[in-house]
Amino acid sequence: MGPYRDADVLVVTPEMRAFNTAMSEVRVSVEWLFGDIAKYFKFIDYKKNFKLGMSAVAKQYIASALFRNILTCL
């Protein structure tokens, strides 16, 4: 989910700005987590390796996240 953007057609209200700020913090933590998982499991870097419709991306990512959690616990 992306932030509200300043545009000629859309007026960004204070509520929209507060939403953008709150979502920005969450988005950063998700990006860090994805980067951590991709660092340990290089095959999960889909930009380089995955082809749309030819790989089970979701299953591979879930398995990678599970293994990363196991590494953290150990």
PDB file of N, CA and C in Angstrom:
ATOM      1  N   MET A   1       0.849  -1.169   0.000  1.00  0.00           N
ATOM      2  CA  MET A   1       0.000   0.000   0.000  1.00  0.00           C
ATOM      3  C   MET A   1       0.890   1.225   0.000  1.00  0.00           C
ATOM      4  N   GLY A   2       0.659   2.116  -0.913  1.00  0.00           N
ATOM      5  CA  GLY A   2       1.481   3.300  -1.028  1.00  0.00           C
ATOM      6  C   GLY A   2       0.898   4.487  -0.295  1.00  0.00           C
ATOM      7  N   PRO A   3       1.703   5.514  -0.138  1.00  0.00           N
ATOM      8  CA  PRO A   3       1.230   6.716   0.568  1.00  0.00           C
ATOM      9  C   PRO A   3       0.364   7.588  -0.334  1.00  0.00           C
ATOM     10  N   TYR A   4      -0.386   8.480   0.305  1.00  0.00           N
ATOM     11  CA  TYR A   4      -1.087   9.508  -0.453  1.00  0.00           C
ATOM     12  C   TYR A   4      -0.045  10.459  -1.019  1.00  0.00           C
ATOM     13  N   ARG A   5      -0.186  10.823  -2.266  1.00  0.00           N
ATOM     14  CA  ARG A   5       0.783  11.693  -2.911  1.00  0.00           C
ATOM     15  C   ARG A   5       0.173  13.080  -3.139  1.00  0.00           C
ATOM     16  N   ASP A   6       1.031  14.088  -3.066  1.00  0.00           N
ATOM     17  CA  ASP A   6       0.586  15.434  -3.403  1.00  0.00           C
ATOM     18  C   ASP A   6       0.384  15.508  -4.911  1.00  0.00           C
ATOM     19  N   ALA A   7      -0.786  15.885  -5.326  1.00  0.00           N
ATOM     20  CA  ALA A   7      -1.081  15.999  -6.754  1.00  0.00           C
ATOM     21  C   ALA A   7      -2.029  17.176  -6.948  1.00  0.00           C
ATOM     22  N   ASP A   8      -2.148  17.629  -8.197  1.00  0.00           N
ATOM     23  CA  ASP A   8      -3.036  18.749  -8.494  1.00  0.00           C
ATOM     24  C   ASP A   8      -4.490  18.389  -8.216  1.00  0.00           C
ATOM     25  N   VAL A   9      -4.848  17.137  -8.443  1.00  0.00           N
ATOM     26  CA  VAL A   9      -6.232  16.724  -8.316  1.00  0.00           C
ATOM     27  C   VAL A   9      -6.597  16.391  -6.870  1.00  0.00           C
ATOM     28  N   LEU A  10      -5.644  15.903  -6.108  1.00  0.00           N
ATOM     29  CA  LEU A  10      -5.912  15.435  -4.752  1.00  0.00           C
ATOM     30  C   LEU A  10      -5.331  16.414  -3.734  1.00  0.00           C
ATOM     31  N   VAL A  11      -6.159  16.842  -2.815  1.00  0.00           N
ATOM     32  CA  VAL A  11      -5.696  17.693  -1.726  1.00  0.00           C
ATOM     33  C   VAL A  11      -5.384  16.783  -0.551  1.00  0.00           C
ATOM     34  N   VAL A  12      -4.154  16.859  -0.054  1.00  0.00           N
ATOM     35  CA  VAL A  12      -3.741  16.008   1.052  1.00  0.00           C
ATOM     36  C   VAL A  12      -4.128  16.692   2.358  1.00  0.00           C
ATOM     37  N   THR A  13      -5.016  16.032   3.107  1.00  0.00           N
ATOM     38  CA  THR A  13      -5.510  16.580   4.371  1.00  0.00           C
ATOM     39  C   THR A  13      -4.543  16.212   5.506  1.00  0.00           C
ATOM     40  N   PRO A  14      -4.677  16.839   6.653  1.00  0.00           N
ATOM     41  CA  PRO A  14      -3.830  16.473   7.802  1.00  0.00           C
ATOM     42  C   PRO A  14      -3.991  14.998   8.199  1.00  0.00           C
ATOM     43  N   GLU A  15      -5.208  14.452   8.058  1.00  0.00           N
ATOM     44  CA  GLU A  15      -5.414  13.029   8.358  1.00  0.00           C
ATOM     45  C   GLU A  15      -4.615  12.148   7.402  1.00  0.00           C
ATOM     46  N   MET A  16      -4.578  12.533   6.132  1.00  0.00           N
ATOM     47  CA  MET A  16      -3.810  11.777   5.139  1.00  0.00           C
ATOM     48  C   MET A  16      -2.315  11.846   5.446  1.00  0.00           C
ATOM     49  N   ARG A  17      -1.849  13.008   5.868  1.00  0.00           N
ATOM     50  CA  ARG A  17      -0.431  13.149   6.238  1.00  0.00           C
ATOM     51  C   ARG A  17      -0.096  12.276   7.453  1.00  0.00           C
ATOM     52  N   ALA A  18      -1.012  12.226   8.443  1.00  0.00           N
ATOM     53  CA  ALA A  18      -0.796  11.382   9.619  1.00  0.00           C
ATOM     54  C   ALA A  18      -0.761   9.906   9.212  1.00  0.00           C
ATOM     55  N   PHE A  19      -1.640   9.521   8.292  1.00  0.00           N
ATOM     56  CA  PHE A  19      -1.643   8.153   7.785  1.00  0.00           C
ATOM     57  C   PHE A  19      -0.321   7.843   7.091  1.00  0.00           C
ATOM     58  N   ASN A  20       0.162   8.764   6.256  1.00  0.00           N
ATOM     59  CA  ASN A  20       1.438   8.570   5.564  1.00  0.00           C
ATOM     60  C   ASN A  20       2.579   8.370   6.555  1.00  0.00           C
ATOM     61  N   THR A  21       2.589   9.171   7.613  1.00  0.00           N
ATOM     62  CA  THR A  21       3.652   9.066   8.613  1.00  0.00           C
ATOM     63  C   THR A  21       3.595   7.723   9.333  1.00  0.00           C
ATOM     64  N   ALA A  22       2.401   7.305   9.739  1.00  0.00           N
ATOM     65  CA  ALA A  22       2.243   6.036  10.447  1.00  0.00           C
ATOM     66  C   ALA A  22       2.630   4.861   9.547  1.00  0.00           C
ATOM     67  N   MET A  23       2.198   4.888   8.302  1.00  0.00           N
ATOM     68  CA  MET A  23       2.500   3.785   7.382  1.00  0.00           C
ATOM     69  C   MET A  23       3.971   3.764   6.987  1.00  0.00           C
ATOM     70  N   SER A  24       4.614   4.914   6.975  1.00  0.00           N
ATOM     71  CA  SER A  24       6.026   4.979   6.629  1.00  0.00           C
ATOM     72  C   SER A  24       6.866   4.185   7.620  1.00  0.00           C
ATOM     73  N   GLU A  25       6.553   4.317   8.896  1.00  0.00           N
ATOM     74  CA  GLU A  25       7.295   3.587   9.926  1.00  0.00           C
ATOM     75  C   GLU A  25       7.128   2.079   9.754  1.00  0.00           C
ATOM     76  N   VAL A  26       5.919   1.627   9.461  1.00  0.00           N
ATOM     77  CA  VAL A  26       5.657   0.205   9.263  1.00  0.00           C
ATOM     78  C   VAL A  26       6.352  -0.286   7.998  1.00  0.00           C
ATOM     79  N   ARG A  27       6.280   0.502   6.941  1.00  0.00           N
ATOM     80  CA  ARG A  27       6.876   0.121   5.662  1.00  0.00           C
ATOM     81  C   ARG A  27       8.380  -0.077   5.799  1.00  0.00           C
ATOM     82  N   VAL A  28       9.038   0.777   6.544  1.00  0.00           N
ATOM     83  CA  VAL A  28      10.486   0.673   6.740  1.00  0.00           C
ATOM     84  C   VAL A  28      10.839  -0.626   7.455  1.00  0.00           C
ATOM     85  N   SER A  29      10.088  -0.983   8.495  1.00  0.00           N
ATOM     86  CA  SER A  29      10.401  -2.217   9.224  1.00  0.00           C
ATOM     87  C   SER A  29      10.175  -3.446   8.350  1.00  0.00           C
ATOM     88  N   VAL A  30       9.172  -3.426   7.499  1.00  0.00           N
ATOM     89  CA  VAL A  30       8.930  -4.544   6.589  1.00  0.00           C
ATOM     90  C   VAL A  30      10.060  -4.646   5.569  1.00  0.00           C
ATOM     91  N   GLU A  31      10.524  -3.517   5.055  1.00  0.00           N
ATOM     92  CA  GLU A  31      11.637  -3.523   4.099  1.00  0.00           C
ATOM     93  C   GLU A  31      12.909  -4.051   4.759  1.00  0.00           C
ATOM     94  N   TRP A  32      13.166  -3.686   5.999  1.00  0.00           N
ATOM     95  CA  TRP A  32      14.344  -4.194   6.712  1.00  0.00           C
ATOM     96  C   TRP A  32      14.253  -5.700   6.895  1.00  0.00           C
ATOM     97  N   LEU A  33      13.066  -6.190   7.261  1.00  0.00           N
ATOM     98  CA  LEU A  33      12.873  -7.622   7.456  1.00  0.00           C
ATOM     99  C   LEU A  33      13.070  -8.374   6.146  1.00  0.00           C
ATOM    100  N   PHE A  34      12.503  -7.865   5.062  1.00  0.00           N
ATOM    101  CA  PHE A  34      12.702  -8.517   3.765  1.00  0.00           C
ATOM    102  C   PHE A  34      14.182  -8.529   3.395  1.00  0.00           C
ATOM    103  N   GLY A  35      14.871  -7.426   3.629  1.00  0.00           N
ATOM    104  CA  GLY A  35      16.301  -7.355   3.338  1.00  0.00           C
ATOM    105  C   GLY A  35      17.102  -8.347   4.160  1.00  0.00           C
ATOM    106  N   ASP A  36      16.714  -8.542   5.427  1.00  0.00           N
ATOM    107  CA  ASP A  36      17.403  -9.499   6.289  1.00  0.00           C
ATOM    108  C   ASP A  36      17.210 -10.918   5.773  1.00  0.00           C
ATOM    109  N   ILE A  37      15.990 -11.250   5.401  1.00  0.00           N
ATOM    110  CA  ILE A  37      15.724 -12.593   4.870  1.00  0.00           C
ATOM    111  C   ILE A  37      16.447 -12.787   3.545  1.00  0.00           C
ATOM    112  N   ALA A  38      16.424 -11.791   2.683  1.00  0.00           N
ATOM    113  CA  ALA A  38      17.099 -11.900   1.378  1.00  0.00           C
ATOM    114  C   ALA A  38      18.611 -12.002   1.534  1.00  0.00           C
ATOM    115  N   LYS A  39      19.149 -11.429   2.619  1.00  0.00           N
ATOM    116  CA  LYS A  39      20.594 -11.512   2.858  1.00  0.00           C
ATOM    117  C   LYS A  39      21.014 -12.951   3.158  1.00  0.00           C
ATOM    118  N   TYR A  40      20.202 -13.662   3.913  1.00  0.00           N
ATOM    119  CA  TYR A  40      20.530 -15.036   4.290  1.00  0.00           C
ATOM    120  C   TYR A  40      20.164 -16.050   3.208  1.00  0.00           C
ATOM    121  N   PHE A  41      19.140 -15.758   2.431  1.00  0.00           N
ATOM    122  CA  PHE A  41      18.667 -16.678   1.395  1.00  0.00           C
ATOM    123  C   PHE A  41      18.653 -15.931   0.059  1.00  0.00           C
ATOM    124  N   LYS A  42      19.759 -15.995  -0.646  1.00  0.00           N
ATOM    125  CA  LYS A  42      19.941 -15.198  -1.865  1.00  0.00           C
ATOM    126  C   LYS A  42      18.924 -15.532  -2.951  1.00  0.00           C
ATOM    127  N   PHE A  43      18.427 -16.758  -2.987  1.00  0.00           N
ATOM    128  CA  PHE A  43      17.485 -17.135  -4.044  1.00  0.00           C
ATOM    129  C   PHE A  43      16.149 -16.418  -3.913  1.00  0.00           C
ATOM    130  N   ILE A  44      15.898 -15.799  -2.769  1.00  0.00           N
ATOM    131  CA  ILE A  44      14.623 -15.131  -2.541  1.00  0.00           C
ATOM    132  C   ILE A  44      14.584 -13.740  -3.183  1.00  0.00           C
ATOM    133  N   ASP A  45      15.731 -13.271  -3.669  1.00  0.00           N
ATOM    134  CA  ASP A  45      15.789 -11.956  -4.328  1.00  0.00           C
ATOM    135  C   ASP A  45      15.121 -12.080  -5.691  1.00  0.00           C
ATOM    136  N   TYR A  46      13.808 -11.904  -5.712  1.00  0.00           N
ATOM    137  CA  TYR A  46      12.990 -12.202  -6.887  1.00  0.00           C
ATOM    138  C   TYR A  46      13.320 -11.355  -8.103  1.00  0.00           C
ATOM    139  N   LYS A  47      13.877 -10.180  -7.918  1.00  0.00           N
ATOM    140  CA  LYS A  47      14.186  -9.329  -9.060  1.00  0.00           C
ATOM    141  C   LYS A  47      15.197  -9.992  -9.990  1.00  0.00           C
ATOM    142  N   LYS A  48      16.048 -10.815  -9.416  1.00  0.00           N
ATOM    143  CA  LYS A  48      17.087 -11.444 -10.207  1.00  0.00           C
ATOM    144  C   LYS A  48      16.725 -12.850 -10.655  1.00  0.00           C
ATOM    145  N   ASN A  49      15.956 -13.584  -9.830  1.00  0.00           N
ATOM    146  CA  ASN A  49      15.799 -15.010 -10.061  1.00  0.00           C
ATOM    147  C   ASN A  49      14.408 -15.484 -10.451  1.00  0.00           C
ATOM    148  N   PHE A  50      13.357 -14.859  -9.950  1.00  0.00           N
ATOM    149  CA  PHE A  50      12.035 -15.406 -10.149  1.00  0.00           C
ATOM    150  C   PHE A  50      11.396 -14.933 -11.444  1.00  0.00           C
ATOM    151  N   LYS A  51      10.680 -15.818 -12.064  1.00  0.00           N
ATOM    152  CA  LYS A  51       9.899 -15.510 -13.259  1.00  0.00           C
ATOM    153  C   LYS A  51       8.427 -15.654 -12.876  1.00  0.00           C
ATOM    154  N   LEU A  52       7.629 -14.694 -13.259  1.00  0.00           N
ATOM    155  CA  LEU A  52       6.219 -14.680 -12.904  1.00  0.00           C
ATOM    156  C   LEU A  52       5.516 -15.916 -13.456  1.00  0.00           C
ATOM    157  N   GLY A  53       4.821 -16.631 -12.587  1.00  0.00           N
ATOM    158  CA  GLY A  53       4.081 -17.814 -12.988  1.00  0.00           C
ATOM    159  C   GLY A  53       4.925 -19.075 -13.109  1.00  0.00           C
ATOM    160  N   MET A  54       6.238 -18.973 -12.911  1.00  0.00           N
ATOM    161  CA  MET A  54       7.110 -20.132 -13.076  1.00  0.00           C
ATOM    162  C   MET A  54       7.725 -20.578 -11.755  1.00  0.00           C
ATOM    163  N   SER A  55       7.530 -19.799 -10.682  1.00  0.00           N
ATOM    164  CA  SER A  55       8.110 -20.130  -9.384  1.00  0.00           C
ATOM    165  C   SER A  55       7.050 -19.993  -8.298  1.00  0.00           C
ATOM    166  N   ALA A  56       7.176 -20.804  -7.269  1.00  0.00           N
ATOM    167  CA  ALA A  56       6.276 -20.714  -6.119  1.00  0.00           C
ATOM    168  C   ALA A  56       6.851 -19.685  -5.145  1.00  0.00           C
ATOM    169  N   VAL A  57       6.741 -18.428  -5.501  1.00  0.00           N
ATOM    170  CA  VAL A  57       7.377 -17.348  -4.755  1.00  0.00           C
ATOM    171  C   VAL A  57       6.899 -17.299  -3.314  1.00  0.00           C
ATOM    172  N   ALA A  58       5.595 -17.356  -3.098  1.00  0.00           N
ATOM    173  CA  ALA A  58       5.052 -17.239  -1.741  1.00  0.00           C
ATOM    174  C   ALA A  58       5.545 -18.373  -0.847  1.00  0.00           C
ATOM    175  N   LYS A  59       5.534 -19.583  -1.363  1.00  0.00           N
ATOM    176  CA  LYS A  59       5.975 -20.725  -0.557  1.00  0.00           C
ATOM    177  C   LYS A  59       7.459 -20.626  -0.233  1.00  0.00           C
ATOM    178  N   GLN A  60       8.260 -20.203  -1.191  1.00  0.00           N
ATOM    179  CA  GLN A  60       9.694 -20.074  -0.949  1.00  0.00           C
ATOM    180  C   GLN A  60       9.978 -18.967   0.058  1.00  0.00           C
ATOM    181  N   TYR A  61       9.234 -17.864  -0.012  1.00  0.00           N
ATOM    182  CA  TYR A  61       9.447 -16.774   0.939  1.00  0.00           C
ATOM    183  C   TYR A  61       9.030 -17.196   2.345  1.00  0.00           C
ATOM    184  N   ILE A  62       7.899 -17.874   2.463  1.00  0.00           N
ATOM    185  CA  ILE A  62       7.439 -18.331   3.782  1.00  0.00           C
ATOM    186  C   ILE A  62       8.442 -19.299   4.390  1.00  0.00           C
ATOM    187  N   ALA A  63       8.952 -20.218   3.577  1.00  0.00           N
ATOM    188  CA  ALA A  63       9.958 -21.165   4.082  1.00  0.00           C
ATOM    189  C   ALA A  63      11.223 -20.419   4.511  1.00  0.00           C
ATOM    190  N   SER A  64      11.635 -19.430   3.733  1.00  0.00           N
ATOM    191  CA  SER A  64      12.822 -18.643   4.082  1.00  0.00           C
ATOM    192  C   SER A  64      12.614 -17.884   5.387  1.00  0.00           C
ATOM    193  N   ALA A  65      11.429 -17.299   5.559  1.00  0.00           N
ATOM    194  CA  ALA A  65      11.133 -16.566   6.793  1.00  0.00           C
ATOM    195  C   ALA A  65      11.127 -17.516   7.994  1.00  0.00           C
ATOM    196  N   LEU A  66      10.582 -18.711   7.807  1.00  0.00           N
ATOM    197  CA  LEU A  66      10.580 -19.701   8.879  1.00  0.00           C
ATOM    198  C   LEU A  66      12.012 -20.083   9.254  1.00  0.00           C
ATOM    199  N   PHE A  67      12.851 -20.367   8.269  1.00  0.00           N
ATOM    200  CA  PHE A  67      14.244 -20.724   8.547  1.00  0.00           C
ATOM    201  C   PHE A  67      15.001 -19.562   9.187  1.00  0.00           C
ATOM    202  N   ARG A  68      14.698 -18.340   8.798  1.00  0.00           N
ATOM    203  CA  ARG A  68      15.353 -17.171   9.403  1.00  0.00           C
ATOM    204  C   ARG A  68      14.949 -17.049  10.866  1.00  0.00           C
ATOM    205  N   ASN A  69      13.685 -17.327  11.175  1.00  0.00           N
ATOM    206  CA  ASN A  69      13.232 -17.306  12.565  1.00  0.00           C
ATOM    207  C   ASN A  69      13.921 -18.400  13.384  1.00  0.00           C
ATOM    208  N   ILE A  70      14.105 -19.569  12.773  1.00  0.00           N
ATOM    209  CA  ILE A  70      14.819 -20.649  13.454  1.00  0.00           C
ATOM    210  C   ILE A  70      16.260 -20.228  13.747  1.00  0.00           C
ATOM    211  N   LEU A  71      16.909 -19.596  12.771  1.00  0.00           N
ATOM    212  CA  LEU A  71      18.277 -19.101  12.996  1.00  0.00           C
ATOM    213  C   LEU A  71      18.329 -18.089  14.134  1.00  0.00           C
ATOM    214  N   THR A  72      17.324 -17.230  14.194  1.00  0.00           N
ATOM    215  CA  THR A  72      17.270 -16.228  15.253  1.00  0.00           C
ATOM    216  C   THR A  72      17.128 -16.892  16.617  1.00  0.00           C
ATOM    217  N   CYS A  73      16.280 -17.914  16.694  1.00  0.00           N
ATOM    218  CA  CYS A  73      16.063 -18.606  17.972  1.00  0.00           C
ATOM    219  C   CYS A  73      17.311 -19.356  18.419  1.00  0.00           C
ATOM    220  N   LEU A  74      18.077 -19.880  17.459  1.00  0.00           N
ATOM    221  CA  LEU A  74      19.282 -20.621  17.830  1.00  0.00           C
ATOM    222  C   LEU A  74      20.371 -19.666  18.262  1.00  0.00           C
TER     223      LEU A  74
END
